[in-house]
Amino acid sequence: MTLKPSIGDGSEPAWRKSSYSDSSNSSECVEIAPSSATIHIRDSKNPGGARLTVTPAAWTAFVGFAAQS
């Protein structure tokens, strides 16, 4: 999986979308904005909606778990 940056104006974090978003279900994707202290997560269909923030360690654990599924 690779990540593609979303276009932003500098006031928002640098959101990235998975390369898997280009598949047949491109409307079903999350975007992430990593920083040194947190990983911000949002629904790509609703970028102004609710956002989830997790620690980098929690994100790493989640990605490792998801990769095994």
C-alpha atoms as a PDB file:
ATOM      1  CA  MET A   1       0.000   0.000   0.000  1.00  0.00           C
ATOM      2  CA  THR A   2       1.220   3.468  -0.804  1.00  0.00           C
ATOM      3  CA  LEU A   3      -0.216   6.755   0.391  1.00  0.00           C
ATOM      4  CA  LYS A   4      -1.132   9.736  -1.789  1.00  0.00           C
ATOM      5  CA  PRO A   5      -1.257  13.239  -0.307  1.00  0.00           C
ATOM      6  CA  SER A   6      -4.544  15.123  -0.489  1.00  0.00           C
ATOM      7  CA  ILE A   7      -4.571  18.682  -1.725  1.00  0.00           C
ATOM      8  CA  GLY A   8      -4.647  21.149   1.156  1.00  0.00           C
ATOM      9  CA  ASP A   9      -4.137  24.837   1.827  1.00  0.00           C
ATOM     10  CA  GLY A  10      -1.531  24.486   4.581  1.00  0.00           C
ATOM     11  CA  SER A  11      -3.944  25.063   7.477  1.00  0.00           C
ATOM     12  CA  GLU A  12      -4.923  21.399   7.534  1.00  0.00           C
ATOM     13  CA  PRO A  13      -2.661  18.454   8.267  1.00  0.00           C
ATOM     14  CA  ALA A  14      -1.222  16.702   5.210  1.00  0.00           C
ATOM     15  CA  TRP A  15      -3.942  14.109   4.604  1.00  0.00           C
ATOM     16  CA  ARG A  16      -3.005  10.927   2.744  1.00  0.00           C
ATOM     17  CA  LYS A  17      -5.210   8.341   1.115  1.00  0.00           C
ATOM     18  CA  SER A  18      -4.305   4.707   0.512  1.00  0.00           C
ATOM     19  CA  SER A  19      -3.471   3.612  -3.032  1.00  0.00           C
ATOM     20  CA  TYR A  20      -6.199   0.998  -2.532  1.00  0.00           C
ATOM     21  CA  SER A  21      -8.686   3.875  -2.850  1.00  0.00           C
ATOM     22  CA  ASP A  22      -8.280   3.625  -6.611  1.00  0.00           C
ATOM     23  CA  SER A  23      -9.932   0.206  -6.573  1.00  0.00           C
ATOM     24  CA  SER A  24     -13.561  -0.497  -7.430  1.00  0.00           C
ATOM     25  CA  ASN A  25     -14.657   0.773  -3.984  1.00  0.00           C
ATOM     26  CA  SER A  26     -12.936   4.154  -4.109  1.00  0.00           C
ATOM     27  CA  SER A  27     -15.730   5.761  -2.092  1.00  0.00           C
ATOM     28  CA  GLU A  28     -14.956   3.533   0.901  1.00  0.00           C
ATOM     29  CA  CYS A  29     -11.690   4.819   2.244  1.00  0.00           C
ATOM     30  CA  VAL A  30     -10.146   6.596   5.174  1.00  0.00           C
ATOM     31  CA  GLU A  31      -7.454   9.246   5.040  1.00  0.00           C
ATOM     32  CA  ILE A  32      -4.685   9.704   7.576  1.00  0.00           C
ATOM     33  CA  ALA A  33      -2.559  12.682   8.540  1.00  0.00           C
ATOM     34  CA  PRO A  34       0.480  11.494  10.476  1.00  0.00           C
ATOM     35  CA  SER A  35       2.528  13.722  12.747  1.00  0.00           C
ATOM     36  CA  SER A  36       5.239  12.923  15.243  1.00  0.00           C
ATOM     37  CA  ALA A  37       2.780  12.747  18.148  1.00  0.00           C
ATOM     38  CA  THR A  38      -0.523  11.615  16.607  1.00  0.00           C
ATOM     39  CA  ILE A  39      -2.191   9.984  13.659  1.00  0.00           C
ATOM     40  CA  HIS A  40      -5.364  11.788  12.549  1.00  0.00           C
ATOM     41  CA  ILE A  41      -7.961   9.638  10.755  1.00  0.00           C
ATOM     42  CA  ARG A  42     -11.032  10.765   8.783  1.00  0.00           C
ATOM     43  CA  ASP A  43     -13.587   9.442   6.303  1.00  0.00           C
ATOM     44  CA  SER A  44     -12.575  10.460   2.774  1.00  0.00           C
ATOM     45  CA  LYS A  45     -16.253  10.913   1.835  1.00  0.00           C
ATOM     46  CA  ASN A  46     -16.767  13.419   4.666  1.00  0.00           C
ATOM     47  CA  PRO A  47     -13.509  15.342   5.199  1.00  0.00           C
ATOM     48  CA  GLY A  48     -15.232  17.947   7.365  1.00  0.00           C
ATOM     49  CA  GLY A  49     -16.814  15.337   9.621  1.00  0.00           C
ATOM     50  CA  ALA A  50     -15.630  13.578  12.738  1.00  0.00           C
ATOM     51  CA  ARG A  51     -11.970  12.728  13.097  1.00  0.00           C
ATOM     52  CA  LEU A  52     -10.226  10.119  15.186  1.00  0.00           C
ATOM     53  CA  THR A  53      -6.781  10.671  16.686  1.00  0.00           C
ATOM     54  CA  VAL A  54      -4.553   7.834  17.889  1.00  0.00           C
ATOM     55  CA  THR A  55      -0.948   7.479  18.958  1.00  0.00           C
ATOM     56  CA  PRO A  56       1.613   6.270  16.425  1.00  0.00           C
ATOM     57  CA  ALA A  57       1.995   3.066  18.502  1.00  0.00           C
ATOM     58  CA  ALA A  58      -1.750   2.378  18.345  1.00  0.00           C
ATOM     59  CA  TRP A  59      -1.768   3.010  14.576  1.00  0.00           C
ATOM     60  CA  THR A  60       1.186   0.669  14.061  1.00  0.00           C
ATOM     61  CA  ALA A  61      -0.573  -2.059  16.049  1.00  0.00           C
ATOM     62  CA  PHE A  62      -3.797  -1.561  14.076  1.00  0.00           C
ATOM     63  CA  VAL A  63      -2.031  -1.694  10.695  1.00  0.00           C
ATOM     64  CA  GLY A  64      -0.178  -4.848  11.746  1.00  0.00           C
ATOM     65  CA  PHE A  65      -3.435  -6.474  12.809  1.00  0.00           C
ATOM     66  CA  ALA A  66      -5.264  -5.384   9.633  1.00  0.00           C
ATOM     67  CA  ALA A  67      -2.466  -6.740   7.437  1.00  0.00           C
ATOM     68  CA  GLN A  68      -2.966 -10.209   8.949  1.00  0.00           C
ATOM     69  CA  SER A  69      -6.696 -10.274   8.145  1.00  0.00           C
END
